[in-house]
């Protein structure tokens, strides 16, 4: 079966297979995703395919096939020249409990601890302010070439690739994701299609049922170690693609041996109080979100926001052996904030990931003076 010549009927047969709850092979999933990425099927067929696959429930092979299509056909590749391992932390989005940009702050704390962070994020689609939006507001250049991101990782230990930029994914990814307002396999696979190909990651997913399958996918596509997480609300199935201080956090840990461990984390074991959900809610105002990020990293954030950021940073610190336990990671993350390392790291990042460092630093300093 040629991935470039699949006709309408053949693609439709694949959709019928999914509607009948039959799984696709990795090769067939890849072939069908190539059709979507290259826009070779009508919009109705593409939407039906993504919907049917999501409704059936994705297997690890199907997600891996999707990732392979995106990474091979629609991802610019870069190789940062760094000592140590590259790490990423990101979420799939499309979660049901909306929060401020927790993973962004957590990554900056991890970078301040000496971990090489190669992030891959997107602008807001269903939320009010995505990772790319808030970082752009503090002065980081989000439309720069991948080589500038590469240089930022090499100079400061952190950089982020704009997952919706045609300079990063030149063929189709931004077009497709901007037209979808529900969680699909593409949200999972696209978040894995990082140009720098890190092999260590903390990854949040939008559904508890995806925690183990995504860990299996990451094992299959070459990750050496990872934590896949889903954070629950206090009641019901709703949750976030972050570690939660509202309810339990479900974890699948991929070990370097290839073993996948499953366990649950609770805020009580880290001495964290349960916040009011409203304290974690995002703002519709980009500037307000940027000010919240600066406040947290400067040690002036609210207890609720600081606690959840430290918990999520702790997962990265634990993953990369900067902390022997997650509890120790929470403590270390708080220390990095209080001693000024976190806000200094963000300032360095603004200067490095920029086509106009002077303008970016000016924007950052102006905002910092407002907190």
Protein backbone atom coordinates (compact mmCIF):
# COMPACT_ATOMS: atom_id res chain seq x y z
CA UNK A 1 0.00 0.00 0.00
CA UNK A 2 1.58 3.28 -1.10
CA UNK A 3 1.17 6.11 1.40
CA UNK A 4 1.11 8.62 -1.44
CA UNK A 5 -1.59 7.00 -3.62
CA UNK A 6 -4.28 5.89 -1.14
CA UNK A 7 -7.60 6.66 -2.82
CA UNK A 8 -10.85 7.86 -1.30
CA UNK A 9 -12.29 4.35 -1.02
CA UNK A 10 -9.17 2.86 0.56
CA UNK A 11 -8.95 5.66 3.12
CA UNK A 12 -12.66 5.26 3.85
CA UNK A 13 -12.15 1.54 4.46
CA UNK A 14 -9.62 2.46 7.14
CA UNK A 15 -12.19 4.71 8.80
CA UNK A 16 -14.76 1.89 8.69
CA UNK A 17 -12.22 -0.38 10.36
CA UNK A 18 -11.86 2.12 13.21
CA UNK A 19 -15.62 2.58 13.56
CA UNK A 20 -15.83 -1.20 13.94
CA UNK A 21 -13.35 -0.94 16.86
CA UNK A 22 -10.59 -2.67 14.91
CA UNK A 23 -7.04 -1.45 15.48
CA UNK A 24 -4.73 -0.24 12.74
CA UNK A 25 -1.17 -1.47 12.30
CA UNK A 26 1.58 1.11 12.81
CA UNK A 27 2.24 1.18 9.06
CA UNK A 28 -1.41 1.71 8.17
CA UNK A 29 -1.82 4.42 10.81
CA UNK A 30 1.26 6.15 9.41
CA UNK A 31 -0.08 5.87 5.87
CA UNK A 32 -3.41 7.42 6.82
CA UNK A 33 -1.74 10.22 8.78
CA UNK A 34 0.45 10.97 5.76
CA UNK A 35 -2.75 11.46 3.80
CA UNK A 36 -3.97 13.96 6.41
CA UNK A 37 -0.66 15.82 6.61
CA UNK A 38 -0.38 16.12 2.85
CA UNK A 39 -4.07 17.08 2.50
CA UNK A 40 -4.77 14.31 0.01
CA UNK A 41 -8.20 13.49 1.41
CA UNK A 42 -11.31 15.69 1.64
CA UNK A 43 -11.76 17.56 4.91
CA UNK A 44 -14.76 15.37 5.81
CA UNK A 45 -12.67 12.22 5.45
CA UNK A 46 -9.80 13.67 7.49
CA UNK A 47 -12.12 14.74 10.31
CA UNK A 48 -13.92 11.39 10.28
CA UNK A 49 -10.60 9.56 10.55
CA UNK A 50 -9.37 11.58 13.53
CA UNK A 51 -12.76 11.30 15.25
CA UNK A 52 -13.09 7.55 14.69
CA UNK A 53 -9.57 6.87 15.95
CA UNK A 54 -10.12 8.98 19.06
CA UNK A 55 -13.53 7.39 19.75
CA UNK A 56 -12.09 3.87 19.43
CA UNK A 57 -9.15 4.69 21.68
CA UNK A 58 -5.64 4.85 20.28
CA UNK A 59 -3.20 2.00 20.61
CA UNK A 60 0.52 2.56 21.10
CA UNK A 61 1.17 1.41 17.51
CA UNK A 62 -1.38 3.87 16.11
CA UNK A 63 0.10 6.80 18.02
CA UNK A 64 3.61 5.75 16.99
CA UNK A 65 2.52 5.65 13.34
CA UNK A 66 1.08 9.14 13.65
CA UNK A 67 4.27 10.44 15.27
CA UNK A 68 6.41 8.81 12.59
CA UNK A 69 4.45 10.55 9.82
CA UNK A 70 4.76 13.95 11.51
CA UNK A 71 8.43 13.57 12.42
CA UNK A 72 9.51 12.29 9.01
CA UNK A 73 7.39 14.54 6.78
CA UNK A 74 6.76 17.71 8.74
CA UNK A 75 9.48 18.35 11.32
CA UNK A 76 12.70 20.31 10.87
CA UNK A 77 15.60 18.51 12.61
CA UNK A 78 18.24 20.18 14.81
CA UNK A 79 21.06 18.72 16.92
CA UNK A 80 22.07 21.00 19.83
CA UNK A 81 25.73 20.67 20.79
CA UNK A 82 25.40 20.21 24.55
CA UNK A 83 26.86 18.17 27.36
CA UNK A 84 24.34 15.93 29.00
CA UNK A 85 20.90 14.74 27.95
CA UNK A 86 18.16 16.78 26.31
CA UNK A 87 14.87 16.83 28.21
CA UNK A 88 11.41 18.11 27.41
CA UNK A 89 8.24 18.69 29.37
CA UNK A 90 4.96 19.36 27.69
CA UNK A 91 1.31 18.43 27.64
CA UNK A 92 -1.10 17.40 24.94
CA UNK A 93 -3.55 20.19 25.74
CA UNK A 94 -7.27 19.53 25.36
CA UNK A 95 -7.59 18.72 29.06
CA UNK A 96 -10.83 19.47 30.90
CA UNK A 97 -9.40 21.38 33.89
CA UNK A 98 -7.79 24.53 32.50
CA UNK A 99 -4.82 25.99 34.37
CA UNK A 100 -2.19 28.67 33.92
CA UNK A 101 1.09 27.74 32.18
CA UNK A 102 2.48 25.39 34.81
CA UNK A 103 4.86 23.43 32.59
CA UNK A 104 6.54 26.61 31.36
CA UNK A 105 7.53 27.70 34.86
CA UNK A 106 8.54 24.12 35.76
CA UNK A 107 10.88 23.93 32.77
CA UNK A 108 12.61 27.17 33.70
CA UNK A 109 13.22 25.89 37.24
CA UNK A 110 14.63 22.65 35.82
CA UNK A 111 16.95 24.60 33.51
CA UNK A 112 18.11 26.67 36.49
CA UNK A 113 19.05 23.35 38.14
CA UNK A 114 21.32 22.52 35.20
CA UNK A 115 18.98 20.32 33.14
CA UNK A 116 19.11 20.87 29.35
CA UNK A 117 15.52 21.68 28.37
CA UNK A 118 14.45 21.45 24.73
CA UNK A 119 10.76 22.35 24.79
CA UNK A 120 8.20 22.07 22.02
CA UNK A 121 4.92 23.92 22.50
CA UNK A 122 2.05 25.67 20.78
CA UNK A 123 -0.13 28.72 20.86
CA UNK A 124 -3.49 28.50 22.57
CA UNK A 125 -6.13 26.52 20.69
CA UNK A 126 -8.82 25.73 23.23
CA UNK A 127 -7.22 27.54 26.18
CA UNK A 128 -6.88 31.29 26.65
CA UNK A 129 -3.09 31.54 26.66
CA UNK A 130 -0.72 28.82 25.48
CA UNK A 131 2.95 28.31 26.28
CA UNK A 132 4.04 30.15 23.14
CA UNK A 133 1.72 33.07 23.92
CA UNK A 134 2.97 33.68 27.45
CA UNK A 135 6.64 33.34 26.54
CA UNK A 136 6.21 35.75 23.66
CA UNK A 137 4.69 38.21 26.10
CA UNK A 138 7.77 38.11 28.38
CA UNK A 139 10.07 38.84 25.44
CA UNK A 140 11.11 35.51 23.91
CA UNK A 141 11.03 35.40 20.10
CA UNK A 142 8.50 32.74 19.17
CA UNK A 143 8.76 33.14 15.40
CA UNK A 144 12.53 32.74 15.22
CA UNK A 145 14.34 30.12 13.15
CA UNK A 146 15.04 26.71 14.73
CA UNK A 147 18.77 27.49 14.70
CA UNK A 148 18.18 30.35 17.16
CA UNK A 149 16.34 27.94 19.46
CA UNK A 150 19.23 25.52 19.09
CA UNK A 151 21.67 28.29 20.08
CA UNK A 152 19.55 29.19 23.10
CA UNK A 153 19.64 25.59 24.34
CA UNK A 154 23.42 25.55 23.89
CA UNK A 155 23.99 28.92 25.62
CA UNK A 156 21.42 28.89 28.42
CA UNK A 157 20.22 25.30 28.74
CA UNK A 158 16.68 26.05 27.56
CA UNK A 159 14.83 26.79 24.34
CA UNK A 160 11.41 26.20 22.86
CA UNK A 161 10.31 25.30 19.34
CA UNK A 162 6.99 26.78 18.23
CA UNK A 163 4.95 23.75 17.22
CA UNK A 164 2.62 25.87 15.10
CA UNK A 165 5.35 27.69 13.19
CA UNK A 166 5.95 26.79 9.53
CA UNK A 167 9.68 27.13 10.28
CA UNK A 168 9.39 24.14 12.64
CA UNK A 169 6.62 22.10 10.96
CA UNK A 170 6.61 23.48 7.41
CA UNK A 171 3.93 21.36 5.73
CA UNK A 172 0.72 21.04 7.67
CA UNK A 173 0.73 20.68 11.43
CA UNK A 174 -0.25 24.24 12.32
CA UNK A 175 -3.05 24.19 9.75
CA UNK A 176 -4.53 20.98 11.11
CA UNK A 177 -4.25 21.74 14.84
CA UNK A 178 -5.79 25.18 14.38
CA UNK A 179 -8.94 23.52 12.99
CA UNK A 180 -9.45 21.02 15.82
CA UNK A 181 -11.10 21.83 19.14
CA UNK A 182 -11.07 18.36 20.71
CA UNK A 183 -8.34 15.99 21.77
CA UNK A 184 -7.10 13.67 19.02
CA UNK A 185 -4.16 11.40 18.35
CA UNK A 186 -2.51 14.35 16.60
CA UNK A 187 -2.30 16.25 19.90
CA UNK A 188 -0.34 13.36 21.39
CA UNK A 189 1.84 12.62 18.37
CA UNK A 190 2.49 16.27 17.53
CA UNK A 191 3.71 17.01 21.04
CA UNK A 192 6.24 14.18 20.59
CA UNK A 193 7.55 15.57 17.28
CA UNK A 194 10.27 17.73 18.85
CA UNK A 195 12.93 18.93 16.36
CA UNK A 196 15.73 18.25 18.88
CA UNK A 197 14.53 14.67 19.54
CA UNK A 198 15.11 14.59 23.34
CA UNK A 199 15.12 11.13 24.87
CA UNK A 200 13.95 12.12 28.36
CA UNK A 201 10.60 13.73 29.11
CA UNK A 202 7.76 14.52 31.46
CA UNK A 203 4.61 14.42 29.36
CA UNK A 204 1.07 15.27 30.39
CA UNK A 205 -1.95 13.72 28.68
CA UNK A 206 -5.59 14.81 28.57
CA UNK A 207 -7.12 11.47 29.60
CA UNK A 208 -6.22 9.00 32.34
CA UNK A 209 -6.65 6.13 29.88
CA UNK A 210 -3.75 7.48 27.80
CA UNK A 211 -1.11 7.39 30.54
CA UNK A 212 0.15 3.86 29.93
CA UNK A 213 -0.35 3.80 26.12
CA UNK A 214 1.67 7.01 25.71
CA UNK A 215 4.44 5.59 27.91
CA UNK A 216 4.50 2.56 25.61
CA UNK A 217 4.65 4.82 22.56
CA UNK A 218 7.58 6.74 24.02
CA UNK A 219 9.39 3.48 24.66
CA UNK A 220 8.72 2.36 21.08
CA UNK A 221 9.99 5.57 19.46
CA UNK A 222 13.23 5.68 21.43
CA UNK A 223 12.77 7.55 24.71
CA UNK A 224 15.12 6.24 27.39
CA UNK A 225 13.24 7.49 30.43
CA UNK A 226 9.96 9.33 30.89
CA UNK A 227 7.10 10.16 33.21
CA UNK A 228 3.64 10.28 31.64
CA UNK A 229 1.07 11.97 33.88
CA UNK A 230 -2.59 12.84 34.22
CA UNK A 231 -3.68 15.00 37.14
CA UNK A 232 -7.23 14.58 38.37
CA UNK A 233 -9.71 17.00 39.81
CA UNK A 234 -11.03 16.20 43.28
CA UNK A 235 -14.17 14.57 41.90
CA UNK A 236 -15.07 12.85 38.67
CA UNK A 237 -13.10 12.09 35.52
CA UNK A 238 -12.00 15.63 34.73
CA UNK A 239 -8.34 16.53 34.98
CA UNK A 240 -5.26 18.25 33.60
CA UNK A 241 -2.17 17.36 31.59
CA UNK A 242 -0.03 18.29 34.61
CA UNK A 243 0.66 16.86 38.04
CA UNK A 244 -2.30 18.01 40.14
CA UNK A 245 -2.68 19.55 43.58
CA UNK A 246 -6.48 19.27 43.28
CA UNK A 247 -6.62 15.47 43.32
CA UNK A 248 -4.53 12.42 42.54
CA UNK A 249 -1.91 12.29 39.80
CA UNK A 250 -1.63 9.07 37.80
CA UNK A 251 1.86 8.24 36.58
CA UNK A 252 3.42 5.77 34.18
CA UNK A 253 7.20 5.81 34.61
CA UNK A 254 9.32 4.47 31.77
CA UNK A 255 12.58 3.19 33.27
CA UNK A 256 15.86 2.91 31.36
CA UNK A 257 15.44 -0.87 31.55
CA UNK A 258 12.28 -0.55 29.46
CA UNK A 259 10.03 -1.43 32.39
CA UNK A 260 6.93 0.74 32.85
CA UNK A 261 5.84 1.32 36.45
CA UNK A 262 2.41 2.68 37.40
CA UNK A 263 1.70 4.62 40.59
CA UNK A 264 -0.33 7.46 42.04
CA UNK A 265 0.84 10.68 43.67
CA UNK A 266 -1.14 12.78 46.14
CA UNK A 267 -0.49 16.33 47.32
CA UNK A 268 -0.60 15.18 50.97
CA UNK A 269 2.66 13.24 50.62
CA UNK A 270 4.39 16.50 49.71
CA UNK A 271 2.71 18.63 52.38
CA UNK A 272 0.75 20.63 49.82
CA UNK A 273 -2.69 21.96 50.69
CA UNK A 274 -5.58 21.57 48.24
CA UNK A 275 -6.18 24.94 46.58
CA UNK A 276 -9.40 26.41 45.32
CA UNK A 277 -9.53 25.51 41.62
CA UNK A 278 -10.04 29.17 40.77
CA UNK A 279 -6.56 29.93 42.10
CA UNK A 280 -5.08 27.86 39.26
CA UNK A 281 -7.37 29.14 36.51
CA UNK A 282 -5.82 30.88 33.50
CA UNK A 283 -6.41 34.49 32.65
CA UNK A 284 -7.74 35.57 29.27
CA UNK A 285 -5.16 38.36 29.34
CA UNK A 286 -1.69 37.46 28.06
CA UNK A 287 -0.02 40.19 30.07
CA UNK A 288 -1.62 38.95 33.28
CA UNK A 289 -0.37 35.44 32.54
CA UNK A 290 3.12 36.78 31.88
CA UNK A 291 3.05 38.71 35.15
CA UNK A 292 1.93 35.58 37.00
CA UNK A 293 4.88 33.64 35.50
CA UNK A 294 7.34 36.34 36.58
CA UNK A 295 5.79 36.54 40.04
CA UNK A 296 6.12 32.79 40.61
CA UNK A 297 9.71 32.66 39.39
CA UNK A 298 10.61 35.71 41.50
CA UNK A 299 9.28 34.10 44.68
CA UNK A 300 6.23 36.37 44.84
CA UNK A 301 3.62 33.98 43.52
CA UNK A 302 0.61 32.75 45.46
CA UNK A 303 0.98 29.59 47.51
CA UNK A 304 -1.37 27.69 45.21
CA UNK A 305 0.47 28.59 42.02
CA UNK A 306 3.93 28.10 43.51
CA UNK A 307 3.02 24.71 44.98
CA UNK A 308 1.78 23.24 41.70
CA UNK A 309 4.77 24.62 39.78
CA UNK A 310 7.21 23.14 42.31
CA UNK A 311 5.46 19.76 42.12
CA UNK A 312 5.73 19.69 38.33
CA UNK A 313 9.33 20.91 38.37
CA UNK A 314 10.08 18.18 40.92
CA UNK A 315 9.09 15.52 38.39
CA UNK A 316 11.79 16.76 36.01
CA UNK A 317 14.36 17.00 38.80
CA UNK A 318 13.54 13.44 39.88
CA UNK A 319 13.56 12.13 36.29
CA UNK A 320 17.07 13.48 35.70
CA UNK A 321 18.46 12.46 39.11
CA UNK A 322 18.82 16.01 40.40
CA UNK A 323 16.65 14.90 43.31
CA UNK A 324 16.54 11.36 44.78
CA UNK A 325 12.78 11.58 45.36
CA UNK A 326 9.92 13.71 44.10
CA UNK A 327 9.46 15.10 47.61
CA UNK A 328 13.08 16.27 47.63
CA UNK A 329 12.49 17.71 44.17
CA UNK A 330 9.61 19.83 45.50
CA UNK A 331 11.91 21.22 48.18
CA UNK A 332 14.72 21.89 45.70
CA UNK A 333 12.38 23.63 43.26
CA UNK A 334 11.25 25.99 46.02
CA UNK A 335 14.86 26.73 46.89
CA UNK A 336 15.70 27.54 43.25
CA UNK A 337 12.86 30.05 43.20
CA UNK A 338 13.78 31.66 46.52
CA UNK A 339 17.48 32.10 45.75
CA UNK A 340 16.73 33.92 42.48
CA UNK A 341 18.05 31.26 40.10
CA UNK A 342 14.72 30.76 38.35
CA UNK A 343 14.06 34.38 37.38
CA UNK A 344 17.70 34.81 36.32
CA UNK A 345 17.40 31.79 34.05
CA UNK A 346 14.33 33.27 32.37
CA UNK A 347 16.19 36.55 31.83
CA UNK A 348 19.08 34.65 30.19
CA UNK A 349 16.62 32.77 28.00
CA UNK A 350 14.98 35.99 26.77
CA UNK A 351 18.39 37.29 25.72
CA UNK A 352 19.38 34.09 23.92
CA UNK A 353 16.21 33.11 22.03
CA UNK A 354 15.77 36.34 20.15
CA UNK A 355 16.46 37.89 16.77
CA UNK A 356 16.45 41.23 18.66
CA UNK A 357 17.85 40.58 22.17
CA UNK A 358 17.70 44.27 23.13
CA UNK A 359 13.97 44.54 22.40
CA UNK A 360 13.25 41.23 24.13
CA UNK A 361 15.19 42.19 27.25
CA UNK A 362 13.49 45.58 27.33
CA UNK A 363 10.07 43.92 27.27
CA UNK A 364 11.13 41.51 30.02
CA UNK A 365 12.51 44.24 32.29
CA UNK A 366 9.42 46.38 31.81
CA UNK A 367 7.17 43.53 32.91
CA UNK A 368 9.43 42.56 35.79
CA UNK A 369 9.11 46.08 37.13
CA UNK A 370 5.33 45.64 37.36
CA UNK A 371 5.23 42.70 39.76
